[in-house]
Amino acid sequence: MKALVYHGPGKKSWEEKPKPGINKPTDAIVKILKTTIFGTDLHIMKGDLPDVTEGRIIGHEGVGIVEETGTAVSNFKKGEHVIISCITSCGKCEFCKKGMYSHCEDGGWILGNLIDGCQAEYVRIPYADNSLYHIPAGADEEALVMLSDILPTGFECGVLNGQVKPGDTLAIIGAGPIGMAALLTSQFYTPAEIIVIDTDENRLAVAKTFGATHTINNTDGKAEEAVMKITNGKGVDVAIEAVGVSATFELCEAIIGAGGHIANIGVHGKSVTLHMETLWSRNITITTRLVDTITTPMLFKTVQSKKLEPKKLITHHFKLDQIVEAYETFGNAAKEKALKVILTNE
């Protein structure tokens, strides 16, 4: 089969690799129909995640057709269409029993990280019964790709951890795909104001169409001043960090109001400064999280009922064998006006 292979920071290639086989009775082999590129994949390409070794097939999102199942797989059969969860869960360990699938003792985020992933023609899915979801006939499979990772990540790590409530003033720093997912799902809780901050004017314009009440272009570095003007100097109730760099996390610290919640989503490859000299007395809660995908079934229902329309995030389409070109487009999002790309294996 063909797959995208990581060969160290800044190096990747679309090349021939052995087709995966069943390793354990709980495995399934899935033929990829549609996949995408996640911001974390760009972090991998920069060398920010040293656990990803050279020779790894990356990618952790997609929908496909079950090709083969191990003898212990009971929920899925050959030929069924499925969503692949970015998180692998055994369903039996201590962490899985707590609903913390991201820390599964034999799983978690391993696809495209510690084992070969989804940016390939075929992928092996461990613990298939707990790590795949059925797709009903006639469903929009492009939209359902967003349920692999981006929607549950934005919702769980941002909206739920941030404890967004009706009437809140919410700031989302970063209008990339994950920030947009947080923007879309935050509206389940009817915040009074949603402020989206970025340096990309196109993404800010899109955020307006997705429900942002205010947008701030921080190219001039004056976002803090603009937020304080909007909030009459009080700061925001919730600040969601959706980029993964020091400057955006520190902006969250600067704009958070007393009693507020800072919810970090971004993947940080370098340290950030925690300004305890200003935060120590302000009743601030700071949360971090790796997505557990416990909300995927609920989000699936909202997508199926069209209460949530993640397909709006898709801006570009490629064939799977055009993935190197797709990375160039996704990596130059401002120039290409890219949010999510869909790669189709035909």
Protein backbone atom coordinates (compact mmCIF):
# COMPACT_ATOMS: atom_id res chain seq x y z
CA MET A 1 0.00 0.00 0.00
CA LYS A 2 0.95 3.66 -0.20
CA ALA A 3 1.30 5.86 2.90
CA LEU A 4 2.69 9.18 4.12
CA VAL A 5 5.84 8.45 6.11
CA TYR A 6 7.63 10.75 8.56
CA HIS A 7 11.42 10.77 8.19
CA GLY A 8 12.39 13.31 10.83
CA PRO A 9 11.72 17.04 11.23
CA GLY A 10 10.73 18.60 7.93
CA LYS A 11 10.97 15.30 6.04
CA LYS A 12 8.09 13.22 4.73
CA SER A 13 7.30 11.13 1.67
CA TRP A 14 4.42 9.30 -0.01
CA GLU A 15 5.85 5.82 -0.42
CA GLU A 16 5.22 2.09 -0.56
CA LYS A 17 4.73 0.36 2.80
CA PRO A 18 3.55 -3.14 3.79
CA LYS A 19 -0.20 -3.43 4.20
CA PRO A 20 -1.00 -3.89 7.90
CA GLY A 21 -2.29 -7.20 9.23
CA ILE A 22 -4.08 -8.41 12.33
CA ASN A 23 -1.66 -8.44 15.29
CA LYS A 24 -4.12 -9.16 18.10
CA PRO A 25 -7.63 -10.67 18.14
CA THR A 26 -9.06 -7.24 19.07
CA ASP A 27 -7.66 -5.56 15.90
CA ALA A 28 -9.45 -4.49 12.74
CA ILE A 29 -7.97 -3.50 9.40
CA VAL A 30 -9.75 -0.53 7.84
CA LYS A 31 -9.46 0.67 4.25
CA ILE A 32 -9.31 4.46 4.38
CA LEU A 33 -11.97 6.26 2.36
CA LYS A 34 -11.41 9.80 3.63
CA THR A 35 -8.84 11.31 5.95
CA THR A 36 -7.48 14.74 6.79
CA ILE A 37 -4.51 16.59 8.29
CA PHE A 38 -4.56 17.83 11.88
CA GLY A 39 -2.58 20.65 13.45
CA THR A 40 -0.77 18.07 15.58
CA ASP A 41 0.57 16.54 12.36
CA LEU A 42 2.26 19.87 11.63
CA HIS A 43 3.76 19.82 15.13
CA ILE A 44 5.10 16.32 14.37
CA MET A 45 6.64 17.59 11.15
CA LYS A 46 8.39 20.36 13.10
CA GLY A 47 9.86 17.82 15.52
CA ASP A 48 7.77 19.00 18.47
CA LEU A 49 6.74 15.43 19.42
CA PRO A 50 9.96 13.43 19.90
CA ASP A 51 8.04 10.19 20.61
CA VAL A 52 7.17 10.04 16.90
CA THR A 53 10.03 8.09 15.36
CA GLU A 54 11.38 8.12 11.82
CA GLY A 55 9.52 5.73 9.54
CA ARG A 56 6.14 6.31 11.21
CA ILE A 57 2.98 6.57 9.10
CA ILE A 58 1.21 9.55 10.62
CA GLY A 59 -2.42 10.70 10.79
CA HIS A 60 -5.16 9.84 13.27
CA GLU A 61 -8.45 10.82 11.63
CA GLY A 62 -10.65 9.24 9.01
CA VAL A 63 -13.57 7.17 7.86
CA GLY A 64 -13.27 3.87 6.06
CA ILE A 65 -14.52 0.36 5.36
CA VAL A 66 -13.72 -2.58 7.60
CA GLU A 67 -11.48 -4.91 5.59
CA GLU A 68 -10.76 -7.58 8.19
CA THR A 69 -11.40 -8.20 11.88
CA GLY A 70 -9.69 -10.19 14.59
CA THR A 71 -11.48 -13.10 16.23
CA ALA A 72 -12.35 -11.07 19.36
CA VAL A 73 -14.04 -8.21 17.46
CA SER A 74 -17.80 -8.55 17.84
CA ASN A 75 -19.26 -5.12 17.01
CA PHE A 76 -17.94 -4.74 13.46
CA LYS A 77 -17.94 -6.83 10.31
CA LYS A 78 -16.17 -6.74 6.97
CA GLY A 79 -17.68 -4.18 4.61
CA GLU A 80 -19.13 -1.87 7.29
CA HIS A 81 -18.41 1.87 7.09
CA VAL A 82 -16.83 3.32 10.23
CA ILE A 83 -15.47 6.46 11.87
CA ILE A 84 -11.97 5.98 13.24
CA SER A 85 -11.48 7.56 16.66
CA CYS A 86 -8.19 9.37 17.18
CA ILE A 87 -8.06 7.73 20.63
CA THR A 88 -7.59 3.98 21.06
CA SER A 89 -9.24 2.56 24.18
CA CYS A 90 -9.26 -0.96 25.61
CA GLY A 91 -12.37 -0.15 27.68
CA LYS A 92 -11.14 -2.25 30.60
CA CYS A 93 -8.18 -0.55 32.30
CA GLU A 94 -8.36 1.83 35.26
CA PHE A 95 -8.25 4.95 33.10
CA CYS A 96 -10.86 3.68 30.63
CA LYS A 97 -13.16 2.89 33.56
CA LYS A 98 -12.88 6.57 34.50
CA GLY A 99 -13.73 7.66 30.96
CA MET A 100 -10.15 8.90 30.52
CA TYR A 101 -9.57 7.01 27.28
CA SER A 102 -6.68 9.28 26.34
CA HIS A 103 -4.64 7.59 29.08
CA CYS A 104 -5.67 4.01 28.30
CA GLU A 105 -2.90 1.76 29.58
CA ASP A 106 -2.62 0.05 26.17
CA GLY A 107 -3.93 2.84 23.97
CA GLY A 108 -4.63 6.55 24.14
CA TRP A 109 -3.35 8.71 21.32
CA ILE A 110 -1.20 6.12 19.59
CA LEU A 111 -2.44 6.31 15.96
CA GLY A 112 0.09 8.20 13.88
CA ASN A 113 2.09 8.73 17.04
CA LEU A 114 3.33 5.47 18.57
CA ILE A 115 1.88 3.16 15.89
CA ASP A 116 1.20 3.66 12.17
CA GLY A 117 -1.75 5.92 11.43
CA CYS A 118 -4.44 6.91 8.98
CA GLN A 119 -2.69 8.85 6.21
CA ALA A 120 -2.44 5.64 4.23
CA GLU A 121 -4.57 3.33 2.12
CA TYR A 122 -5.06 0.94 5.06
CA VAL A 123 -4.70 1.21 8.83
CA ARG A 124 -4.71 -1.26 11.72
CA ILE A 125 -7.06 -0.23 14.55
CA PRO A 126 -6.36 -1.84 17.94
CA TYR A 127 -9.34 -2.49 20.23
CA ALA A 128 -11.68 -1.99 17.31
CA ASP A 129 -14.87 -2.55 19.33
CA ASN A 130 -14.07 0.52 21.46
CA SER A 131 -12.22 2.62 18.88
CA LEU A 132 -14.55 2.60 15.85
CA TYR A 133 -18.08 3.94 15.32
CA HIS A 134 -20.68 2.70 12.83
CA ILE A 135 -21.71 5.03 10.00
CA PRO A 136 -25.34 4.66 8.89
CA ALA A 137 -26.13 4.38 5.19
CA GLY A 138 -26.49 7.72 3.46
CA ALA A 139 -24.50 9.71 6.03
CA ASP A 140 -22.21 12.53 4.89
CA GLU A 141 -18.86 10.86 5.45
CA GLU A 142 -16.83 14.02 4.80
CA ALA A 143 -18.59 15.71 7.71
CA LEU A 144 -18.06 12.64 9.89
CA VAL A 145 -14.28 12.83 9.44
CA MET A 146 -14.52 15.80 11.82
CA LEU A 147 -15.74 13.44 14.54
CA SER A 148 -12.45 11.54 14.58
CA ASP A 149 -10.72 14.31 16.50
CA ILE A 150 -11.41 17.96 15.80
CA LEU A 151 -14.97 18.24 17.15
CA PRO A 152 -14.51 16.22 20.35
CA THR A 153 -11.17 17.94 20.97
CA GLY A 154 -12.58 21.45 20.63
CA PHE A 155 -15.58 20.50 22.73
CA GLU A 156 -13.95 18.45 25.50
CA CYS A 157 -10.61 20.25 25.92
CA GLY A 158 -11.99 23.72 25.28
CA VAL A 159 -15.71 24.09 25.96
CA LEU A 160 -16.21 21.46 28.67
CA ASN A 161 -12.91 22.09 30.46
CA GLY A 162 -13.57 25.83 30.23
CA GLN A 163 -17.00 25.30 31.81
CA VAL A 164 -18.68 27.63 29.34
CA LYS A 165 -22.07 28.73 30.69
CA PRO A 166 -25.06 30.69 29.38
CA GLY A 167 -24.28 34.39 29.42
CA ASP A 168 -20.49 33.97 29.58
CA THR A 169 -18.01 36.06 27.68
CA LEU A 170 -15.73 33.62 25.89
CA ALA A 171 -12.46 34.30 24.10
CA ILE A 172 -10.96 31.77 21.68
CA ILE A 173 -7.34 32.45 20.80
CA GLY A 174 -6.63 30.84 17.47
CA ALA A 175 -9.10 30.66 14.58
CA GLY A 176 -7.65 27.52 13.04
CA PRO A 177 -9.74 24.37 12.70
CA ILE A 178 -9.58 23.47 16.40
CA GLY A 179 -10.51 26.99 17.46
CA MET A 180 -13.41 26.88 15.00
CA ALA A 181 -14.54 23.55 16.48
CA ALA A 182 -14.56 25.16 19.92
CA LEU A 183 -16.48 28.11 18.46
CA LEU A 184 -19.15 25.87 16.93
CA THR A 185 -19.61 23.63 19.98
CA SER A 186 -19.50 26.45 22.54
CA GLN A 187 -22.81 27.64 21.16
CA PHE A 188 -24.50 24.61 22.77
CA TYR A 189 -24.23 26.69 25.96
CA THR A 190 -25.31 30.11 24.59
CA PRO A 191 -22.44 32.32 25.75
CA ALA A 192 -23.43 35.98 25.47
CA GLU A 193 -20.26 37.00 23.64
CA ILE A 194 -17.68 35.01 21.72
CA ILE A 195 -14.45 36.85 20.93
CA VAL A 196 -12.16 35.15 18.39
CA ILE A 197 -8.54 36.31 18.18
CA ASP A 198 -6.11 35.52 15.36
CA THR A 199 -3.72 37.20 12.93
CA ASP A 200 -5.40 35.79 9.80
CA GLU A 201 -8.10 38.13 8.50
CA ASN A 202 -9.72 35.44 6.36
CA ARG A 203 -10.12 33.08 9.31
CA LEU A 204 -11.56 35.89 11.41
CA ALA A 205 -14.11 36.59 8.68
CA VAL A 206 -15.06 32.91 8.66
CA ALA A 207 -15.36 32.96 12.46
CA LYS A 208 -17.94 35.72 12.14
CA THR A 209 -20.06 33.54 9.88
CA PHE A 210 -19.73 30.68 12.42
CA GLY A 211 -21.12 32.74 15.30
CA ALA A 212 -18.35 34.94 16.71
CA THR A 213 -19.75 38.19 18.09
CA HIS A 214 -16.36 39.95 18.00
CA THR A 215 -13.13 39.28 16.10
CA ILE A 216 -9.74 40.77 16.87
CA ASN A 217 -6.73 40.77 14.57
CA ASN A 218 -3.72 40.60 16.89
CA THR A 219 -1.12 41.42 14.25
CA ASP A 220 -0.44 44.67 16.13
CA GLY A 221 -0.14 42.87 19.47
CA LYS A 222 -2.99 44.86 21.01
CA ALA A 223 -5.53 42.08 21.53
CA GLU A 224 -5.42 42.44 25.32
CA GLU A 225 -6.36 46.11 25.05
CA ALA A 226 -9.20 45.30 22.64
CA VAL A 227 -10.60 42.55 24.90
CA MET A 228 -10.53 44.82 27.93
CA LYS A 229 -12.43 47.44 25.98
CA ILE A 230 -15.12 44.91 25.01
CA THR A 231 -15.42 43.63 28.61
CA ASN A 232 -15.26 47.04 30.33
CA GLY A 233 -11.96 46.12 31.90
CA LYS A 234 -13.21 42.93 33.56
CA GLY A 235 -11.68 40.35 31.25
CA VAL A 236 -13.39 37.24 29.93
CA ASP A 237 -15.07 34.40 31.81
CA VAL A 238 -13.41 31.72 29.68
CA ALA A 239 -10.27 31.85 27.54
CA ILE A 240 -9.57 28.90 25.23
CA GLU A 241 -6.01 28.53 23.94
CA ALA A 242 -6.15 26.83 20.53
CA VAL A 243 -2.69 27.43 19.04
CA GLY A 244 0.00 25.89 21.23
CA VAL A 245 2.63 28.64 21.52
CA SER A 246 3.80 30.70 24.46
CA ALA A 247 2.43 34.03 23.21
CA THR A 248 -1.15 32.79 22.88
CA PHE A 249 -1.15 31.09 26.29
CA GLU A 250 0.17 34.26 27.91
CA LEU A 251 -2.53 36.24 26.14
CA CYS A 252 -5.09 33.98 27.84
CA GLU A 253 -3.48 34.82 31.18
CA ALA A 254 -3.66 38.53 30.39
CA ILE A 255 -7.35 38.64 29.42
CA ILE A 256 -8.89 36.23 31.92
CA GLY A 257 -11.24 37.79 34.43
CA ALA A 258 -11.52 37.05 38.14
CA GLY A 259 -12.95 33.57 38.71
CA GLY A 260 -12.35 32.67 35.08
CA HIS A 261 -11.25 29.48 33.35
CA ILE A 262 -8.29 29.11 31.00
CA ALA A 263 -8.73 25.94 28.93
CA ASN A 264 -5.65 24.88 27.00
CA ILE A 265 -6.15 22.87 23.81
CA GLY A 266 -2.95 23.67 21.95
CA VAL A 267 -0.05 21.21 21.63
CA HIS A 268 2.92 22.97 23.22
CA GLY A 269 6.38 22.00 22.02
CA LYS A 270 8.06 24.60 24.25
CA SER A 271 7.55 25.92 27.77
CA VAL A 272 5.28 28.85 28.59
CA THR A 273 5.46 31.40 31.39
CA LEU A 274 2.89 31.09 34.15
CA HIS A 275 2.31 34.58 35.55
CA MET A 276 1.53 33.64 39.12
CA GLU A 277 2.53 37.13 40.22
CA THR A 278 -0.77 38.35 38.74
CA LEU A 279 -2.92 35.21 38.84
CA TRP A 280 -2.34 33.94 42.37
CA SER A 281 -5.19 35.96 43.90
CA ARG A 282 -7.71 35.87 41.07
CA ASN A 283 -9.47 32.51 41.56
CA ILE A 284 -8.36 31.32 38.13
CA THR A 285 -8.69 27.71 36.96
CA ILE A 286 -6.24 26.45 34.32
CA THR A 287 -6.95 23.12 32.64
CA THR A 288 -5.08 20.89 30.22
CA ARG A 289 -6.43 17.82 28.50
CA LEU A 290 -5.89 15.30 25.76
CA VAL A 291 -9.19 14.50 24.10
CA ASP A 292 -10.92 11.39 25.48
CA THR A 293 -13.60 11.20 22.74
CA ILE A 294 -16.25 10.40 25.36
CA THR A 295 -18.55 12.93 23.68
CA THR A 296 -18.26 11.44 20.19
CA PRO A 297 -21.65 9.62 20.35
CA MET A 298 -23.43 12.81 21.41
CA LEU A 299 -21.65 14.90 18.78
CA PHE A 300 -22.47 12.24 16.17
CA LYS A 301 -26.19 12.74 16.92
CA THR A 302 -25.93 16.52 16.61
CA VAL A 303 -24.14 16.19 13.26
CA GLN A 304 -26.70 13.68 11.97
CA SER A 305 -29.57 16.00 12.98
CA LYS A 306 -27.73 18.95 11.36
CA LYS A 307 -27.73 20.88 14.64
CA LEU A 308 -23.97 20.96 14.15
CA GLU A 309 -22.51 21.34 10.66
CA PRO A 310 -18.79 20.56 10.72
CA LYS A 311 -18.67 20.30 6.93
CA LYS A 312 -18.45 24.10 6.96
CA LEU A 313 -14.85 23.65 8.15
CA ILE A 314 -13.79 21.90 4.92
CA THR A 315 -12.10 24.25 2.45
CA HIS A 316 -9.98 22.00 0.23
CA HIS A 317 -10.22 18.56 -1.36
CA PHE A 318 -7.40 16.33 -2.60
CA LYS A 319 -6.91 12.74 -3.65
CA LEU A 320 -5.00 10.72 -1.06
CA ASP A 321 -1.96 10.44 -3.32
CA GLN A 322 -1.82 14.26 -3.41
CA ILE A 323 -1.13 14.38 0.32
CA VAL A 324 2.26 16.09 0.04
CA GLU A 325 0.57 18.91 -1.87
CA ALA A 326 -2.21 18.93 0.74
CA TYR A 327 0.39 19.43 3.49
CA GLU A 328 1.77 22.42 1.63
CA THR A 329 -1.72 23.91 1.43
CA PHE A 330 -2.57 23.19 5.07
CA GLY A 331 0.82 24.42 6.26
CA ASN A 332 0.32 27.72 4.42
CA ALA A 333 -3.22 28.24 5.69
CA ALA A 334 -3.23 32.03 5.59
CA LYS A 335 -2.05 32.19 1.98
CA GLU A 336 -4.29 29.32 0.84
CA LYS A 337 -7.31 30.28 3.02
CA ALA A 338 -7.34 26.72 4.35
CA LEU A 339 -9.18 25.26 7.32
CA LYS A 340 -9.69 21.52 6.93
CA VAL A 341 -8.58 19.50 3.92
CA ILE A 342 -10.25 16.23 2.90
CA LEU A 343 -8.16 13.51 1.27
CA THR A 344 -10.12 10.84 -0.62
CA ASN A 345 -8.78 7.37 -1.33
CA GLU A 346 -10.34 6.42 -4.67
